[in-house]
Amino acid sequence: MKKASAYLWVFSAIIFLICSCDNCSTNSNGAKAPVIQDSSIYTKQNYSELILDSCYVNEYLKKDKSAKEFAPDIFSFYGRRGYQSAWFVNGRLSNSASNFMSMLRDYQENFEDSSLRLNEIQSLIAFQDMDSNYFERNHEAKLLLEMKLTTTFFKYAKKAYSGTDKNPKDLEWFIPRKKKSYEMLIDSLVAEPKIYDKYEPVNELYKHLKVALVNYRSIEKKGGFPIVKMKEKKLSLNDSADAIADLKKYLKVSGDYNSDDTSFHYTTDLQTAVIRFQKRMGLTPDGIIGASMLRELNIPIAGRIKQIMLNMERLRWMPDVMPENYFMVNIPEFRLHIFEQGKYAWSSDVVVGKAATSTVIFTGMMSMVVFSPYWNVPPSIIKNELLPILRRNRNYLKKANMQAVSGNTILNPSRIRWWRYNNAVPFTIRQMPGSENSLGLVKFLFPNSYNIYLHDTPAKSLFGQTNRAFSHGCIRVAEAGRLANYIFRSDTVYTVEKIDSLMNSGVEKTVNLKTPIPVFICYFTAWVNQDGMLNFRKDIYGHDEKLAKEIFVN
């Protein structure tokens, strides 16, 4: 057996060398650095008795134009295997091929995407179903199916893990999108399927949302969610109504309600379920069934499935592995989330930009904290808000605790001819540090070209609103003091007492962080949270609608 194994490997090498001399190798399809075999996947054993000719592979790829972009990956894949078949063992399709076909069927069903031409592969496989020895007698058919399975895998991987070819920047998404590699992924599928998940180039948020998609597809097959109609304006604990029975059925299907009671009475068990549903939808969790909750209840399941798919697309653009420690702002959720050592730590309400001055989706490194900050008024606010006021009242700056500054010189606002300026001013207008400063007592900087940062605010009442899109683009943090203390939690100089003193000193102080912190400003209208609850939110900037036009073809 050892001699046979050695001959098999030598034969493979000879074929490869001969075809390389005849320009049949990867050189005609683009050079590619070799991928080293992973010892947890590959061993020195033979994979299959079927050996492919690299010239055949090359000719096939010339004919299949849709696989051209994957040619270097395909040659690299077969090179690591000594050009042995990936999908046949003892003349028959392997279990790996069956596993892959199952993945394709699930993908086609869950994402309603038939572009991978699953039917073509199934029609070839059907010959073996009718005749168990078909592929043993039909070598060409075997090679054709081998190549179709391999090329389809790379097409599938790109769709499933990278998503649309559309530049995310055209969809208002400025988090860099890294190119993904699928070579270890296919290695694991054909050699050791049990560890396939280890090499999937997606993050945990994507995997959780994929489970939710499968669940919602199952609900859809069973008829979807019951329709809830309500004559009453509001219903709450101890009320009775026909709608309550339908609501219990709905919440049972959605997984929010665990009781077997299907009566018309609003019970404490139902109240618990209603509050859970309200939290998942971003509604006020008061247990009162009203118009806003009814609107969420009666969104068709097809709409929810599309919402899940849109956000899975966005999650494909995120890093496969998130940093150990990072901050994430989810704009439609109006929340800042803190992650420490790869786990959720805590979160805070935030106020984000209104639709006209929407908060940009991007990532940066938080490197500075500024205590008792000045607020340099942005040019857009000077033009649209301040100048009209100053033309009428030159003393407004003093009343608003603001200064006009040119270099190091503080200008006298009463001597400035404000009527001369329509769009901009040749100096800086800033608000002095203090409790009434628009940035509050502290701001958190992660330098970026959008001039967006996190900051405190004196307008605390806005955090009581359900929809918190009020700012000019920057992000106001409800618990800014807590965030500052968290950032410096291991610092012996900037203690809780020191931070409180700096925040209330009235003198601007910038502190550079020893270890910058990654910050992700994201836009997810569907996600699974740290408690395993599927959440939905409104598309406040219309980004879902724009993305849907790219990935859903009528």
Protein backbone atom coordinates (compact mmCIF):
# COMPACT_ATOMS: atom_id res chain seq x y z
CA MET A 1 0.00 0.00 0.00
CA LYS A 2 2.84 2.37 0.79
CA LYS A 3 4.38 1.75 -2.65
CA ALA A 4 1.00 2.35 -4.32
CA SER A 5 0.63 5.56 -2.38
CA ALA A 6 4.09 6.71 -3.46
CA TYR A 7 3.37 5.88 -7.11
CA LEU A 8 0.10 7.82 -6.92
CA TRP A 9 1.80 10.94 -5.66
CA VAL A 10 4.64 10.64 -8.25
CA PHE A 11 2.06 10.18 -11.02
CA SER A 12 0.23 13.32 -9.87
CA ALA A 13 3.46 15.30 -9.84
CA ILE A 14 4.40 14.13 -13.34
CA ILE A 15 1.02 15.17 -14.73
CA PHE A 16 1.34 18.55 -13.10
CA LEU A 17 4.89 19.11 -14.48
CA ILE A 18 4.00 18.00 -17.99
CA CYS A 19 0.98 20.28 -18.17
CA SER A 20 2.95 23.15 -16.70
CA CYS A 21 5.38 22.81 -19.63
CA ASP A 22 2.40 22.96 -22.00
CA ASN A 23 1.09 26.16 -20.36
CA CYS A 24 -1.84 24.32 -18.82
CA SER A 25 -1.09 25.41 -15.25
CA THR A 26 -2.26 28.30 -13.14
CA ASN A 27 0.13 30.64 -14.92
CA SER A 28 -2.50 31.14 -17.60
CA ASN A 29 -5.04 32.06 -14.96
CA GLY A 30 -3.03 34.31 -12.68
CA ALA A 31 -0.24 33.53 -10.24
CA LYS A 32 -1.18 32.89 -6.66
CA ALA A 33 0.85 32.33 -3.54
CA PRO A 34 0.41 28.74 -2.33
CA VAL A 35 -1.73 28.01 0.71
CA ILE A 36 0.00 25.75 3.22
CA GLN A 37 -1.90 22.65 4.21
CA ASP A 38 -3.52 22.74 7.62
CA SER A 39 -2.38 19.63 9.51
CA SER A 40 -5.75 19.48 11.27
CA ILE A 41 -7.35 18.90 7.85
CA TYR A 42 -4.80 17.10 5.70
CA THR A 43 -2.70 14.05 6.43
CA LYS A 44 -0.33 12.09 4.18
CA GLN A 45 -3.08 9.64 3.24
CA ASN A 46 -4.61 9.40 -0.20
CA TYR A 47 -7.89 11.24 -0.70
CA SER A 48 -9.17 9.51 -3.84
CA GLU A 49 -8.07 7.08 -6.53
CA LEU A 50 -9.36 9.55 -9.18
CA ILE A 51 -6.54 11.79 -10.44
CA LEU A 52 -7.33 14.89 -12.49
CA ASP A 53 -5.22 16.14 -15.36
CA SER A 54 -4.35 19.80 -14.72
CA CYS A 55 -4.75 20.41 -18.46
CA TYR A 56 -8.36 19.24 -18.14
CA VAL A 57 -8.89 21.59 -15.22
CA ASN A 58 -7.41 24.45 -17.22
CA GLU A 59 -9.56 23.73 -20.27
CA TYR A 60 -12.70 23.46 -18.16
CA LEU A 61 -12.03 26.83 -16.55
CA LYS A 62 -11.51 28.42 -19.96
CA LYS A 63 -14.97 27.25 -20.97
CA ASP A 64 -16.70 28.20 -17.71
CA LYS A 65 -16.34 31.98 -17.81
CA SER A 66 -18.28 32.36 -14.55
CA ALA A 67 -15.48 30.54 -12.70
CA LYS A 68 -12.60 32.55 -14.18
CA GLU A 69 -12.09 34.70 -11.09
CA PHE A 70 -11.65 31.56 -8.96
CA ALA A 71 -9.14 29.83 -11.27
CA PRO A 72 -6.07 30.52 -9.06
CA ASP A 73 -7.96 29.25 -6.00
CA ILE A 74 -9.08 26.10 -7.82
CA PHE A 75 -5.58 25.26 -9.06
CA SER A 76 -4.18 25.92 -5.61
CA PHE A 77 -6.85 23.64 -4.09
CA TYR A 78 -6.06 20.71 -6.39
CA GLY A 79 -2.33 21.32 -6.05
CA ARG A 80 -2.57 20.80 -2.28
CA ARG A 81 -4.31 17.48 -2.96
CA GLY A 82 -1.88 16.22 -5.57
CA TYR A 83 -4.70 16.68 -8.11
CA GLN A 84 -6.75 13.94 -6.51
CA SER A 85 -10.54 14.20 -6.72
CA ALA A 86 -12.30 16.15 -3.99
CA TRP A 87 -15.75 14.64 -4.40
CA PHE A 88 -15.34 10.96 -5.41
CA VAL A 89 -14.26 7.96 -3.34
CA ASN A 90 -14.16 4.45 -4.84
CA GLY A 91 -15.94 5.67 -7.94
CA ARG A 92 -18.90 7.10 -6.04
CA LEU A 93 -19.77 10.54 -4.72
CA SER A 94 -18.41 11.07 -1.23
CA ASN A 95 -20.26 12.12 1.92
CA SER A 96 -18.61 15.53 1.50
CA ALA A 97 -20.42 15.93 -1.82
CA SER A 98 -23.72 15.06 -0.12
CA ASN A 99 -22.97 17.58 2.64
CA PHE A 100 -22.22 20.26 0.08
CA MET A 101 -25.40 19.54 -1.86
CA SER A 102 -27.35 19.90 1.37
CA MET A 103 -25.65 23.28 1.97
CA LEU A 104 -26.59 24.40 -1.54
CA ARG A 105 -30.22 23.37 -1.09
CA ASP A 106 -30.42 25.20 2.24
CA TYR A 107 -28.87 28.31 0.72
CA GLN A 108 -31.20 28.27 -2.28
CA GLU A 109 -34.23 27.80 -0.04
CA ASN A 110 -33.30 30.26 2.72
CA PHE A 111 -32.07 33.04 0.42
CA GLU A 112 -34.36 32.31 -2.54
CA ASP A 113 -31.34 32.36 -4.83
CA SER A 114 -31.26 29.91 -7.75
CA SER A 115 -28.25 31.53 -9.48
CA LEU A 116 -25.91 28.68 -8.47
CA ARG A 117 -27.79 26.34 -10.85
CA LEU A 118 -28.25 23.59 -8.32
CA ASN A 119 -30.56 21.76 -10.76
CA GLU A 120 -27.68 21.19 -13.20
CA ILE A 121 -25.64 19.39 -10.55
CA GLN A 122 -28.64 17.45 -9.28
CA SER A 123 -29.40 16.21 -12.80
CA LEU A 124 -25.86 14.81 -13.07
CA ILE A 125 -26.08 13.17 -9.66
CA ALA A 126 -29.41 11.61 -10.64
CA PHE A 127 -27.56 9.25 -13.01
CA GLN A 128 -25.85 7.65 -10.02
CA ASP A 129 -29.18 7.38 -8.21
CA MET A 130 -30.55 5.42 -11.16
CA ASP A 131 -27.39 3.39 -11.74
CA SER A 132 -24.94 2.94 -8.86
CA ASN A 133 -22.09 2.16 -11.28
CA TYR A 134 -22.82 5.02 -13.69
CA PHE A 135 -19.76 7.11 -12.84
CA GLU A 136 -17.44 4.08 -12.84
CA ARG A 137 -18.35 3.52 -16.50
CA ASN A 138 -18.50 7.22 -17.51
CA HIS A 139 -15.19 8.83 -16.75
CA GLU A 140 -15.96 12.09 -18.58
CA ALA A 141 -19.23 12.52 -16.67
CA LYS A 142 -17.33 11.97 -13.44
CA LEU A 143 -14.77 14.66 -14.29
CA LEU A 144 -17.50 17.08 -15.36
CA LEU A 145 -19.36 16.66 -12.06
CA GLU A 146 -16.09 16.96 -10.14
CA MET A 147 -15.37 20.35 -11.71
CA LYS A 148 -18.95 21.58 -11.40
CA LEU A 149 -18.93 20.82 -7.67
CA THR A 150 -15.60 22.57 -7.13
CA THR A 151 -16.37 25.68 -9.16
CA THR A 152 -19.84 25.89 -7.62
CA PHE A 153 -18.31 25.77 -4.16
CA PHE A 154 -16.27 28.92 -4.79
CA LYS A 155 -19.28 30.66 -6.34
CA TYR A 156 -21.37 29.63 -3.34
CA ALA A 157 -18.71 30.78 -0.87
CA LYS A 158 -18.53 34.19 -2.46
CA LYS A 159 -22.29 34.63 -2.32
CA ALA A 160 -22.72 33.18 1.16
CA TYR A 161 -19.77 34.91 2.82
CA SER A 162 -18.89 38.01 0.76
CA GLY A 163 -22.25 39.06 -0.63
CA THR A 164 -22.97 41.58 -3.35
CA ASP A 165 -20.29 42.90 -5.70
CA LYS A 166 -21.68 46.37 -5.12
CA ASN A 167 -19.20 48.68 -3.43
CA PRO A 168 -20.54 49.16 0.14
CA LYS A 169 -19.50 52.82 -0.05
CA ASP A 170 -22.25 53.27 -2.64
CA LEU A 171 -24.62 52.04 0.07
CA GLU A 172 -23.37 54.52 2.70
CA TRP A 173 -21.18 51.87 4.39
CA PHE A 174 -17.60 53.04 4.99
CA ILE A 175 -16.27 50.20 7.15
CA PRO A 176 -13.46 48.66 5.05
CA ARG A 177 -14.44 45.38 3.43
CA LYS A 178 -11.62 42.84 3.36
CA LYS A 179 -11.19 40.20 0.66
CA LYS A 180 -11.99 36.73 1.98
CA SER A 181 -10.22 33.45 1.33
CA TYR A 182 -12.18 30.23 0.91
CA GLU A 183 -9.32 27.76 0.47
CA MET A 184 -9.17 26.38 3.99
CA LEU A 185 -12.96 26.32 3.91
CA ILE A 186 -13.15 23.95 0.95
CA ASP A 187 -10.27 21.89 2.37
CA SER A 188 -12.23 21.33 5.56
CA LEU A 189 -15.45 20.52 3.70
CA VAL A 190 -13.96 17.77 1.54
CA ALA A 191 -11.57 16.32 4.15
CA GLU A 192 -13.02 17.03 7.60
CA PRO A 193 -16.60 18.42 7.45
CA LYS A 194 -16.91 18.46 11.24
CA ILE A 195 -14.53 21.45 11.45
CA TYR A 196 -16.11 23.38 8.55
CA ASP A 197 -17.55 25.98 10.93
CA LYS A 198 -14.05 26.75 12.18
CA TYR A 199 -13.09 28.17 8.78
CA GLU A 200 -16.32 29.97 7.88
CA PRO A 201 -15.28 33.58 7.14
CA VAL A 202 -18.13 35.21 9.03
CA ASN A 203 -18.47 36.60 12.54
CA GLU A 204 -20.67 35.27 15.32
CA LEU A 205 -23.34 37.94 14.75
CA TYR A 206 -23.86 36.56 11.24
CA LYS A 207 -24.09 32.96 12.45
CA HIS A 208 -26.75 33.86 15.03
CA LEU A 209 -28.81 35.75 12.45
CA LYS A 210 -28.53 32.81 10.04
CA VAL A 211 -30.17 30.58 12.67
CA ALA A 212 -32.95 33.16 12.96
CA LEU A 213 -33.44 33.12 9.18
CA VAL A 214 -33.85 29.34 9.15
CA ASN A 215 -36.39 29.61 11.98
CA TYR A 216 -38.39 32.30 10.17
CA ARG A 217 -38.37 30.27 6.95
CA SER A 218 -39.85 27.40 8.95
CA ILE A 219 -42.53 29.69 10.37
CA GLU A 220 -43.27 30.94 6.86
CA LYS A 221 -43.81 27.38 5.59
CA LYS A 222 -46.34 26.81 8.37
CA GLY A 223 -48.39 29.83 7.38
CA GLY A 224 -46.51 32.71 8.99
CA PHE A 225 -47.71 34.81 11.90
CA PRO A 226 -51.42 35.11 12.76
CA ILE A 227 -52.97 38.48 11.89
CA VAL A 228 -53.86 40.51 14.98
CA LYS A 229 -56.82 42.90 14.56
CA MET A 230 -57.85 45.16 17.39
CA LYS A 231 -60.96 47.32 17.79
CA GLU A 232 -59.75 48.89 21.00
CA LYS A 233 -57.19 51.75 21.01
CA LYS A 234 -55.26 50.16 23.86
CA LEU A 235 -55.25 46.93 25.83
CA SER A 236 -53.40 46.22 29.09
CA LEU A 237 -53.30 43.83 32.05
CA ASN A 238 -56.71 42.38 33.10
CA ASP A 239 -58.47 43.58 29.93
CA SER A 240 -60.48 41.17 27.76
CA ALA A 241 -60.83 41.31 23.97
CA ASP A 242 -61.00 39.10 20.89
CA ALA A 243 -57.61 40.44 19.77
CA ILE A 244 -55.91 39.00 22.86
CA ALA A 245 -56.53 35.42 21.75
CA ASP A 246 -54.92 36.16 18.36
CA LEU A 247 -52.06 37.96 20.07
CA LYS A 248 -51.35 34.91 22.22
CA LYS A 249 -51.20 32.77 19.10
CA TYR A 250 -48.80 35.23 17.45
CA LEU A 251 -46.49 35.48 20.44
CA LYS A 252 -46.52 31.71 20.80
CA VAL A 253 -45.25 31.37 17.22
CA SER A 254 -42.66 34.13 17.68
CA GLY A 255 -41.33 32.45 20.82
CA ASP A 256 -42.26 35.27 23.20
CA TYR A 257 -45.16 33.50 24.93
CA ASN A 258 -44.75 30.10 26.59
CA SER A 259 -48.14 29.60 28.24
CA ASP A 260 -50.81 27.24 26.87
CA ASP A 261 -53.56 29.70 27.83
CA THR A 262 -55.39 30.88 24.68
CA SER A 263 -58.23 32.80 26.37
CA PHE A 264 -59.39 36.36 25.62
CA HIS A 265 -58.02 37.65 28.95
CA TYR A 266 -54.85 39.74 29.35
CA THR A 267 -52.93 37.76 31.97
CA THR A 268 -49.62 38.40 33.74
CA ASP A 269 -47.99 35.74 31.52
CA LEU A 270 -49.15 37.63 28.46
CA GLN A 271 -47.85 40.90 29.91
CA THR A 272 -44.40 39.34 30.28
CA ALA A 273 -44.57 38.20 26.65
CA VAL A 274 -45.76 41.61 25.42
CA ILE A 275 -42.90 43.39 27.22
CA ARG A 276 -40.42 40.94 25.73
CA PHE A 277 -41.81 41.59 22.25
CA GLN A 278 -41.73 45.35 22.80
CA LYS A 279 -38.07 45.21 23.82
CA ARG A 280 -37.23 43.21 20.70
CA MET A 281 -38.90 45.85 18.52
CA GLY A 282 -37.41 48.86 20.31
CA LEU A 283 -40.81 49.97 21.64
CA THR A 284 -41.48 51.36 25.09
CA PRO A 285 -41.66 48.19 27.25
CA ASP A 286 -44.81 49.18 29.16
CA GLY A 287 -46.94 46.08 28.48
CA ILE A 288 -49.62 48.21 26.79
CA ILE A 289 -50.84 46.98 23.42
CA GLY A 290 -51.36 50.04 21.24
CA ALA A 291 -51.03 51.28 17.66
CA SER A 292 -47.21 51.16 17.55
CA MET A 293 -47.11 47.54 18.72
CA LEU A 294 -49.92 46.58 16.35
CA ARG A 295 -47.92 47.95 13.41
CA GLU A 296 -44.96 45.76 14.33
CA LEU A 297 -47.17 42.70 14.83
CA ASN A 298 -48.71 42.98 11.40
CA ILE A 299 -45.53 43.27 9.34
CA PRO A 300 -45.74 40.14 7.12
CA ILE A 301 -43.22 37.41 7.80
CA ALA A 302 -41.90 37.84 4.24
CA GLY A 303 -40.98 41.40 5.20
CA ARG A 304 -39.19 40.22 8.33
CA ILE A 305 -37.30 37.58 6.34
CA LYS A 306 -36.10 40.23 3.90
CA GLN A 307 -35.05 42.39 6.83
CA ILE A 308 -32.99 39.52 8.25
CA MET A 309 -31.38 38.86 4.85
CA LEU A 310 -30.48 42.54 4.38
CA ASN A 311 -28.66 42.59 7.68
CA MET A 312 -26.92 39.29 6.98
CA GLU A 313 -25.59 41.01 3.86
CA ARG A 314 -24.20 43.85 6.00
CA LEU A 315 -22.68 41.37 8.45
CA ARG A 316 -20.80 39.78 5.54
CA TRP A 317 -19.02 43.13 5.20
CA MET A 318 -17.93 43.15 8.83
CA PRO A 319 -14.61 41.61 9.99
CA ASP A 320 -14.72 37.81 10.31
CA VAL A 321 -13.15 38.09 13.75
CA MET A 322 -13.96 41.11 15.86
CA PRO A 323 -11.31 42.62 18.18
CA GLU A 324 -11.12 41.40 21.77
CA ASN A 325 -12.13 44.85 23.07
CA TYR A 326 -14.23 47.28 21.06
CA PHE A 327 -17.17 49.68 21.10
CA MET A 328 -20.10 49.34 18.69
CA VAL A 329 -22.80 51.92 18.06
CA ASN A 330 -25.87 50.51 16.31
CA ILE A 331 -27.55 53.55 14.79
CA PRO A 332 -31.16 52.23 14.37
CA GLU A 333 -31.03 50.80 17.91
CA PHE A 334 -29.78 54.08 19.41
CA ARG A 335 -27.36 52.10 21.61
CA LEU A 336 -23.64 51.97 22.31
CA HIS A 337 -22.38 48.48 23.18
CA ILE A 338 -19.16 47.78 25.06
CA PHE A 339 -17.35 44.49 24.40
CA GLU A 340 -14.53 43.29 26.63
CA GLN A 341 -12.43 40.16 26.07
CA GLY A 342 -14.74 39.18 23.24
CA LYS A 343 -17.88 39.33 25.39
CA TYR A 344 -20.68 41.84 25.86
CA ALA A 345 -20.00 43.99 28.94
CA TRP A 346 -22.66 46.74 29.06
CA SER A 347 -24.46 49.30 26.91
CA SER A 348 -25.77 52.85 26.98
CA ASP A 349 -28.48 54.80 25.16
CA VAL A 350 -27.26 57.23 22.52
CA VAL A 351 -28.68 59.99 20.34
CA VAL A 352 -27.65 59.79 16.66
CA GLY A 353 -27.98 62.07 13.65
CA LYS A 354 -31.37 62.93 12.26
CA ALA A 355 -32.13 61.87 8.69
CA ALA A 356 -30.95 65.16 7.17
CA THR A 357 -27.61 64.97 9.02
CA SER A 358 -27.30 61.20 9.31
CA THR A 359 -24.52 59.57 11.29
CA VAL A 360 -21.96 57.97 8.97
CA ILE A 361 -21.29 54.21 9.05
CA PHE A 362 -17.55 53.70 9.53
CA THR A 363 -14.87 52.48 11.91
CA GLY A 364 -12.06 54.25 13.75
CA MET A 365 -9.66 53.98 16.67
CA MET A 366 -10.57 55.92 19.81
CA SER A 367 -7.29 57.53 20.85
CA MET A 368 -8.21 60.60 22.93
CA VAL A 369 -10.59 61.67 25.66
CA VAL A 370 -11.18 65.40 26.11
CA PHE A 371 -12.46 66.60 29.49
CA SER A 372 -14.33 69.94 29.81
CA PRO A 373 -14.19 70.39 26.02
CA TYR A 374 -14.71 73.46 23.91
CA TRP A 375 -17.27 72.98 21.17
CA ASN A 376 -16.09 74.33 17.82
CA VAL A 377 -19.32 75.05 16.00
CA PRO A 378 -19.40 73.25 12.60
CA PRO A 379 -19.60 75.46 9.46
CA SER A 380 -23.03 74.04 8.57
CA ILE A 381 -24.48 75.13 11.92
CA ILE A 382 -22.81 78.54 11.64
CA LYS A 383 -24.34 79.01 8.20
CA ASN A 384 -27.82 77.64 8.84
CA GLU A 385 -28.42 78.48 12.49
CA LEU A 386 -25.98 80.99 14.00
CA LEU A 387 -25.57 83.62 11.27
CA PRO A 388 -29.31 84.36 10.95
CA ILE A 389 -29.44 84.92 14.74
CA LEU A 390 -26.23 87.01 14.88
CA ARG A 391 -27.43 89.35 12.14
CA ARG A 392 -30.34 90.20 14.43
CA ASN A 393 -28.52 90.08 17.76
CA ARG A 394 -24.73 90.63 17.97
CA ASN A 395 -24.74 89.80 21.67
CA TYR A 396 -26.06 86.27 21.17
CA LEU A 397 -22.58 84.70 21.45
CA LYS A 398 -22.09 86.01 24.99
CA LYS A 399 -25.54 84.81 26.01
CA ALA A 400 -24.78 81.32 24.59
CA ASN A 401 -21.36 81.28 26.34
CA MET A 402 -19.60 81.35 22.97
CA GLN A 403 -16.53 83.08 21.57
CA ALA A 404 -15.33 84.18 18.16
CA VAL A 405 -11.63 83.33 17.93
CA SER A 406 -8.99 84.12 15.30
CA GLY A 407 -5.79 82.27 16.10
CA ASN A 408 -5.15 83.05 19.78
CA THR A 409 -7.16 86.28 19.69
CA ILE A 410 -10.68 86.45 21.10
CA LEU A 411 -12.77 88.81 18.95
CA ASN A 412 -15.41 91.26 20.17
CA PRO A 413 -18.67 89.98 18.61
CA SER A 414 -20.30 93.43 18.82
CA ARG A 415 -17.68 94.79 16.42
CA ILE A 416 -18.11 92.06 13.83
CA ARG A 417 -20.20 93.02 10.81
CA TRP A 418 -22.24 89.85 10.73
CA TRP A 419 -24.33 91.00 7.79
CA ARG A 420 -21.24 90.61 5.57
CA TYR A 421 -21.23 86.83 5.96
CA ASN A 422 -23.72 84.56 4.22
CA ASN A 423 -22.12 81.10 4.12
CA ALA A 424 -19.00 81.10 6.29
CA VAL A 425 -16.89 83.22 8.62
CA PRO A 426 -13.06 83.65 8.53
CA PHE A 427 -12.67 82.70 12.19
CA THR A 428 -13.69 80.02 14.67
CA ILE A 429 -16.84 80.16 16.76
CA ARG A 430 -16.63 78.02 19.87
CA GLN A 431 -18.66 77.37 22.98
CA MET A 432 -16.87 77.58 26.33
CA PRO A 433 -16.48 74.50 28.57
CA GLY A 434 -19.15 73.97 31.20
CA SER A 435 -22.35 72.18 32.08
CA GLU A 436 -24.28 73.92 29.27
CA ASN A 437 -21.72 73.12 26.60
CA SER A 438 -23.33 71.20 23.72
CA LEU A 439 -20.70 68.48 24.13
CA GLY A 440 -21.37 68.19 27.84
CA LEU A 441 -18.45 67.51 30.16
CA VAL A 442 -16.43 65.04 28.06
CA LYS A 443 -15.92 63.89 24.47
CA PHE A 444 -14.29 60.79 23.00
CA LEU A 445 -12.29 61.15 19.80
CA PHE A 446 -11.49 58.58 17.12
CA PRO A 447 -10.03 60.80 14.37
CA ASN A 448 -11.92 60.52 11.07
CA SER A 449 -12.70 62.57 7.99
CA TYR A 450 -16.39 62.79 8.96
CA ASN A 451 -15.75 64.80 12.15
CA ILE A 452 -17.90 62.37 14.14
CA TYR A 453 -17.22 61.47 17.76
CA LEU A 454 -18.94 60.40 20.97
CA HIS A 455 -19.75 63.01 23.59
CA ASP A 456 -21.73 63.93 26.67
CA THR A 457 -24.73 66.28 26.44
CA PRO A 458 -26.69 68.60 28.71
CA ALA A 459 -29.91 67.64 26.88
CA LYS A 460 -30.60 64.52 28.94
CA SER A 461 -34.35 64.55 28.29
CA LEU A 462 -33.84 63.28 24.74
CA PHE A 463 -32.75 59.90 26.08
CA GLY A 464 -36.32 59.35 27.25
CA GLN A 465 -37.50 59.24 23.63
CA THR A 466 -37.96 55.94 21.77
CA ASN A 467 -36.67 57.39 18.49
CA ARG A 468 -33.45 59.24 19.27
CA ALA A 469 -32.33 60.66 15.91
CA PHE A 470 -31.87 64.32 16.84
CA SER A 471 -28.19 65.28 16.43
CA HIS A 472 -26.22 66.91 13.61
CA GLY A 473 -24.31 63.64 13.10
CA CYS A 474 -22.23 63.16 16.23
CA ILE A 475 -23.26 60.62 18.87
CA ARG A 476 -24.45 61.74 22.30
CA VAL A 477 -23.92 59.20 25.06
CA ALA A 478 -26.34 58.96 27.99
CA GLU A 479 -23.73 57.55 30.37
CA ALA A 480 -20.69 59.52 29.23
CA GLY A 481 -19.22 59.68 32.75
CA ARG A 482 -19.49 55.92 33.13
CA LEU A 483 -17.83 55.48 29.73
CA ALA A 484 -14.91 57.70 30.75
CA ASN A 485 -14.45 55.74 33.98
CA TYR A 486 -14.60 52.47 32.05
CA ILE A 487 -11.94 53.58 29.57
CA PHE A 488 -9.55 54.51 32.40
CA ARG A 489 -10.57 51.63 34.70
CA SER A 490 -7.01 50.28 34.90
CA ASP A 491 -5.28 53.66 35.06
CA THR A 492 -3.85 54.60 38.45
CA VAL A 493 -3.61 58.32 37.56
CA TYR A 494 -7.08 58.90 36.11
CA THR A 495 -9.15 57.59 38.97
CA VAL A 496 -12.89 58.08 39.36
CA GLU A 497 -12.24 61.15 41.53
CA LYS A 498 -9.70 62.58 39.08
CA ILE A 499 -12.06 62.11 36.14
CA ASP A 500 -14.94 63.79 37.99
CA SER A 501 -12.66 66.72 38.80
CA LEU A 502 -11.52 67.11 35.18
CA MET A 503 -15.05 66.90 33.83
CA ASN A 504 -16.14 69.77 36.06
CA SER A 505 -13.00 71.92 35.99
CA GLY A 506 -14.10 74.23 33.18
CA VAL A 507 -10.61 73.89 31.67
CA GLU A 508 -10.15 71.76 28.56
CA LYS A 509 -7.83 68.77 29.10
CA THR A 510 -6.94 66.17 26.43
CA VAL A 511 -5.69 62.74 27.50
CA ASN A 512 -4.19 60.31 24.97
CA LEU A 513 -5.13 56.68 25.47
CA LYS A 514 -2.26 54.24 26.01
CA THR A 515 -4.15 51.60 24.03
CA PRO A 516 -6.53 52.91 21.33
CA ILE A 517 -9.96 51.25 21.23
CA PRO A 518 -11.65 50.15 17.96
CA VAL A 519 -15.02 51.82 17.42
CA PHE A 520 -17.58 50.53 14.91
CA ILE A 521 -20.46 52.78 13.89
CA CYS A 522 -22.91 50.31 12.34
CA TYR A 523 -26.40 50.10 10.88
CA PHE A 524 -28.33 46.95 11.74
CA THR A 525 -32.12 46.80 11.68
CA ALA A 526 -32.15 43.09 12.56
CA TRP A 527 -29.77 41.23 14.87
CA VAL A 528 -29.63 38.67 17.67
CA ASN A 529 -28.56 40.22 20.96
CA GLN A 530 -26.44 38.86 23.80
CA ASP A 531 -29.54 37.23 25.34
CA GLY A 532 -30.34 35.32 22.16
CA MET A 533 -33.33 37.55 21.31
CA LEU A 534 -34.01 38.44 17.68
CA ASN A 535 -34.41 42.23 17.42
CA PHE A 536 -35.90 44.42 14.70
CA ARG A 537 -35.75 48.19 14.29
CA LYS A 538 -37.06 50.81 11.88
CA ASP A 539 -35.00 51.78 8.84
CA ILE A 540 -34.50 55.36 10.02
CA TYR A 541 -32.17 56.42 7.17
CA GLY A 542 -33.70 54.36 4.36
CA HIS A 543 -30.56 52.23 3.99
CA ASP A 544 -32.55 48.98 3.98
CA GLU A 545 -34.63 50.20 1.08
CA LYS A 546 -31.53 51.14 -0.90
CA LEU A 547 -29.76 47.84 -0.21
CA ALA A 548 -32.88 45.82 -1.08
CA LYS A 549 -32.76 47.20 -4.63
CA GLU A 550 -29.27 45.72 -4.98
CA ILE A 551 -29.77 42.22 -3.59
CA PHE A 552 -33.43 41.42 -4.34
CA VAL A 553 -34.16 40.98 -8.03
CA ASN A 554 -37.81 41.09 -9.02
